[in-house]
């Protein structure tokens, strides 16, 4: 087994690994959007709607830890 054969196997397995990771990430994004955790379409509009007077993308309340720090 020479170096070219090893490079071929490594290239093949790296390609398969990256394809699996890509599909896992796509499924993760799809599921999190379906659950309502994040709206990626709104986040995608950040670059298009970049004005000082535009409305914020994330209008949720601060995290509970942030509220505690604000009350101190």
N, C-alpha and C. Protein backbone atom coordinates (compact mmCIF):
# COMPACT_ATOMS: atom_id res chain seq x y z
N UNK A 1 0.87 -1.18 0.00
CA UNK A 1 0.00 0.00 0.00
C UNK A 1 0.91 1.23 0.00
N UNK A 2 0.81 2.02 -1.05
CA UNK A 2 1.65 3.21 -1.13
C UNK A 2 0.89 4.46 -0.70
N UNK A 3 1.57 5.58 -0.74
CA UNK A 3 1.00 6.84 -0.23
C UNK A 3 -0.19 7.32 -1.06
N UNK A 4 -0.18 7.06 -2.36
CA UNK A 4 -1.29 7.50 -3.21
C UNK A 4 -2.59 6.77 -2.85
N UNK A 5 -2.47 5.50 -2.53
CA UNK A 5 -3.65 4.74 -2.16
C UNK A 5 -4.20 5.23 -0.81
N UNK A 6 -3.31 5.51 0.12
CA UNK A 6 -3.73 6.06 1.41
C UNK A 6 -4.40 7.42 1.24
N UNK A 7 -3.86 8.25 0.37
CA UNK A 7 -4.46 9.56 0.10
C UNK A 7 -5.84 9.41 -0.52
N UNK A 8 -6.02 8.43 -1.36
CA UNK A 8 -7.32 8.18 -1.98
C UNK A 8 -8.35 7.77 -0.94
N UNK A 9 -7.96 6.84 -0.05
CA UNK A 9 -8.88 6.43 1.01
C UNK A 9 -9.20 7.59 1.95
N UNK A 10 -8.20 8.34 2.33
CA UNK A 10 -8.41 9.48 3.22
C UNK A 10 -9.33 10.51 2.58
N UNK A 11 -9.13 10.77 1.31
CA UNK A 11 -9.98 11.73 0.60
C UNK A 11 -11.43 11.25 0.55
N UNK A 12 -11.62 9.98 0.27
CA UNK A 12 -12.97 9.42 0.20
C UNK A 12 -13.67 9.51 1.55
N UNK A 13 -13.00 9.07 2.61
CA UNK A 13 -13.62 9.07 3.93
C UNK A 13 -13.84 10.49 4.45
N UNK A 14 -12.97 11.41 4.12
CA UNK A 14 -13.17 12.80 4.52
C UNK A 14 -14.37 13.40 3.80
N UNK A 15 -14.54 13.07 2.55
CA UNK A 15 -15.71 13.55 1.80
C UNK A 15 -17.00 12.99 2.39
N UNK A 16 -17.02 11.70 2.70
CA UNK A 16 -18.20 11.09 3.29
C UNK A 16 -18.49 11.73 4.65
N UNK A 17 -17.47 11.94 5.46
CA UNK A 17 -17.64 12.56 6.77
C UNK A 17 -18.21 13.97 6.65
N UNK A 18 -17.69 14.77 5.73
CA UNK A 18 -18.18 16.14 5.56
C UNK A 18 -19.62 16.17 5.03
N UNK A 19 -19.98 15.24 4.19
CA UNK A 19 -21.36 15.17 3.69
C UNK A 19 -22.31 14.83 4.84
N UNK A 20 -21.91 13.89 5.70
CA UNK A 20 -22.75 13.53 6.85
C UNK A 20 -22.91 14.73 7.78
N UNK A 21 -21.83 15.45 8.05
CA UNK A 21 -21.89 16.63 8.92
C UNK A 21 -22.78 17.70 8.30
N UNK A 22 -22.68 17.91 7.01
CA UNK A 22 -23.51 18.91 6.34
C UNK A 22 -24.99 18.56 6.46
N UNK A 23 -25.35 17.30 6.21
CA UNK A 23 -26.75 16.91 6.31
C UNK A 23 -27.24 16.99 7.75
N UNK A 24 -26.40 16.64 8.73
CA UNK A 24 -26.78 16.76 10.13
C UNK A 24 -27.07 18.21 10.48
N UNK A 25 -26.23 19.13 9.99
CA UNK A 25 -26.42 20.55 10.27
C UNK A 25 -27.71 21.07 9.62
N UNK A 26 -28.00 20.64 8.42
CA UNK A 26 -29.23 21.06 7.74
C UNK A 26 -30.45 20.57 8.52
N UNK A 27 -30.43 19.32 8.99
CA UNK A 27 -31.54 18.78 9.77
C UNK A 27 -31.66 19.53 11.09
N UNK A 28 -30.53 19.86 11.72
CA UNK A 28 -30.55 20.62 12.97
C UNK A 28 -31.20 21.99 12.76
N UNK A 29 -30.83 22.70 11.70
CA UNK A 29 -31.43 24.00 11.42
C UNK A 29 -32.92 23.88 11.16
N UNK A 30 -33.31 22.88 10.40
CA UNK A 30 -34.72 22.67 10.07
C UNK A 30 -35.53 22.38 11.33
N UNK A 31 -35.02 21.50 12.20
CA UNK A 31 -35.74 21.15 13.42
C UNK A 31 -35.84 22.33 14.38
N UNK A 32 -34.77 23.10 14.52
CA UNK A 32 -34.82 24.22 15.46
C UNK A 32 -35.76 25.31 14.96
N UNK A 33 -35.88 25.45 13.65
CA UNK A 33 -36.83 26.42 13.13
C UNK A 33 -38.27 25.92 13.29
N UNK A 34 -38.49 24.63 13.13
CA UNK A 34 -39.82 24.06 13.31
C UNK A 34 -40.27 24.16 14.76
N UNK A 35 -39.34 23.99 15.71
CA UNK A 35 -39.68 24.08 17.13
C UNK A 35 -39.93 25.52 17.56
N UNK A 36 -39.52 26.46 16.75
CA UNK A 36 -39.71 27.85 17.08
C UNK A 36 -38.60 28.44 17.91
N UNK A 37 -37.46 27.76 18.00
CA UNK A 37 -36.34 28.27 18.77
C UNK A 37 -35.72 29.50 18.10
N UNK A 38 -35.55 29.44 16.81
CA UNK A 38 -34.98 30.56 16.07
C UNK A 38 -35.68 30.67 14.73
N UNK A 39 -35.75 31.91 14.22
CA UNK A 39 -36.29 32.14 12.89
C UNK A 39 -35.13 32.61 12.01
N UNK A 40 -34.59 31.68 11.24
CA UNK A 40 -33.40 31.97 10.46
C UNK A 40 -33.68 32.91 9.30
N UNK A 41 -34.94 33.01 8.86
CA UNK A 41 -35.25 33.97 7.80
C UNK A 41 -35.10 35.39 8.32
N UNK A 42 -35.53 35.63 9.56
CA UNK A 42 -35.34 36.96 10.15
C UNK A 42 -33.86 37.27 10.32
N UNK A 43 -33.11 36.28 10.79
CA UNK A 43 -31.69 36.49 10.98
C UNK A 43 -30.97 36.70 9.65
N UNK A 44 -31.48 36.11 8.59
CA UNK A 44 -30.89 36.31 7.27
C UNK A 44 -31.11 37.70 6.72
N UNK A 45 -32.13 38.40 7.23
CA UNK A 45 -32.42 39.75 6.76
C UNK A 45 -31.56 40.82 7.44
N UNK A 46 -30.70 40.42 8.36
CA UNK A 46 -29.85 41.40 9.05
C UNK A 46 -28.99 42.15 8.05
N UNK A 47 -28.41 41.46 7.11
CA UNK A 47 -27.53 42.10 6.14
C UNK A 47 -28.32 42.97 5.16
N UNK A 48 -29.56 42.60 4.87
CA UNK A 48 -30.34 43.37 3.91
C UNK A 48 -30.95 44.62 4.53
N UNK A 49 -31.36 44.54 5.78
CA UNK A 49 -32.02 45.66 6.45
C UNK A 49 -31.07 46.19 7.53
N UNK A 50 -30.07 46.93 7.12
CA UNK A 50 -29.03 47.39 8.03
C UNK A 50 -29.07 48.91 8.13
N UNK A 51 -30.11 49.41 8.75
CA UNK A 51 -30.27 50.85 8.96
C UNK A 51 -30.31 51.14 10.45
N UNK A 52 -30.01 52.37 10.84
CA UNK A 52 -30.04 52.73 12.24
C UNK A 52 -31.45 52.73 12.82
N UNK A 53 -32.44 53.07 12.01
CA UNK A 53 -33.80 53.15 12.51
C UNK A 53 -34.62 51.88 12.26
N UNK A 54 -33.98 50.81 11.80
CA UNK A 54 -34.71 49.56 11.57
C UNK A 54 -35.00 48.87 12.91
N UNK A 55 -36.04 48.05 12.91
CA UNK A 55 -36.43 47.36 14.14
C UNK A 55 -35.44 46.24 14.45
N UNK A 56 -35.20 45.95 15.73
CA UNK A 56 -34.30 44.86 16.08
C UNK A 56 -34.85 43.50 15.64
N UNK A 57 -33.97 42.60 15.30
CA UNK A 57 -34.40 41.27 14.86
C UNK A 57 -34.88 40.46 16.04
N UNK A 58 -34.16 40.51 17.14
CA UNK A 58 -34.52 39.74 18.32
C UNK A 58 -35.18 40.67 19.33
N UNK A 59 -36.48 40.57 19.48
CA UNK A 59 -37.21 41.46 20.38
C UNK A 59 -37.59 40.76 21.67
N UNK A 60 -36.96 39.64 21.98
CA UNK A 60 -37.31 38.91 23.20
C UNK A 60 -36.75 39.62 24.42
N UNK A 61 -37.28 39.27 25.57
CA UNK A 61 -36.82 39.84 26.83
C UNK A 61 -35.40 39.35 27.13
N UNK A 62 -34.65 40.09 27.93
CA UNK A 62 -33.33 39.60 28.30
C UNK A 62 -33.42 38.30 29.09
N UNK A 63 -32.34 37.58 29.13
CA UNK A 63 -32.30 36.33 29.87
C UNK A 63 -32.49 36.59 31.36
N UNK A 64 -32.98 35.61 32.11
CA UNK A 64 -33.18 35.82 33.54
C UNK A 64 -31.91 36.25 34.27
N UNK A 65 -30.76 35.76 33.86
CA UNK A 65 -29.51 36.16 34.50
C UNK A 65 -29.23 37.64 34.25
N UNK A 66 -29.59 38.13 33.06
CA UNK A 66 -29.39 39.53 32.74
C UNK A 66 -30.30 40.41 33.58
N UNK A 67 -31.53 39.94 33.84
CA UNK A 67 -32.47 40.71 34.65
C UNK A 67 -31.94 40.85 36.07
N UNK A 68 -31.36 39.79 36.61
CA UNK A 68 -30.82 39.83 37.96
C UNK A 68 -29.69 40.86 38.05
N UNK A 69 -28.84 40.89 37.03
CA UNK A 69 -27.73 41.84 37.03
C UNK A 69 -28.22 43.27 36.88
N UNK A 70 -29.32 43.47 36.15
CA UNK A 70 -29.85 44.81 35.95
C UNK A 70 -30.48 45.34 37.23
N UNK A 71 -31.05 44.46 38.07
CA UNK A 71 -31.71 44.88 39.30
C UNK A 71 -30.73 45.20 40.43
N UNK A 72 -29.50 44.84 40.30
CA UNK A 72 -28.52 45.08 41.37
C UNK A 72 -28.18 46.52 41.51
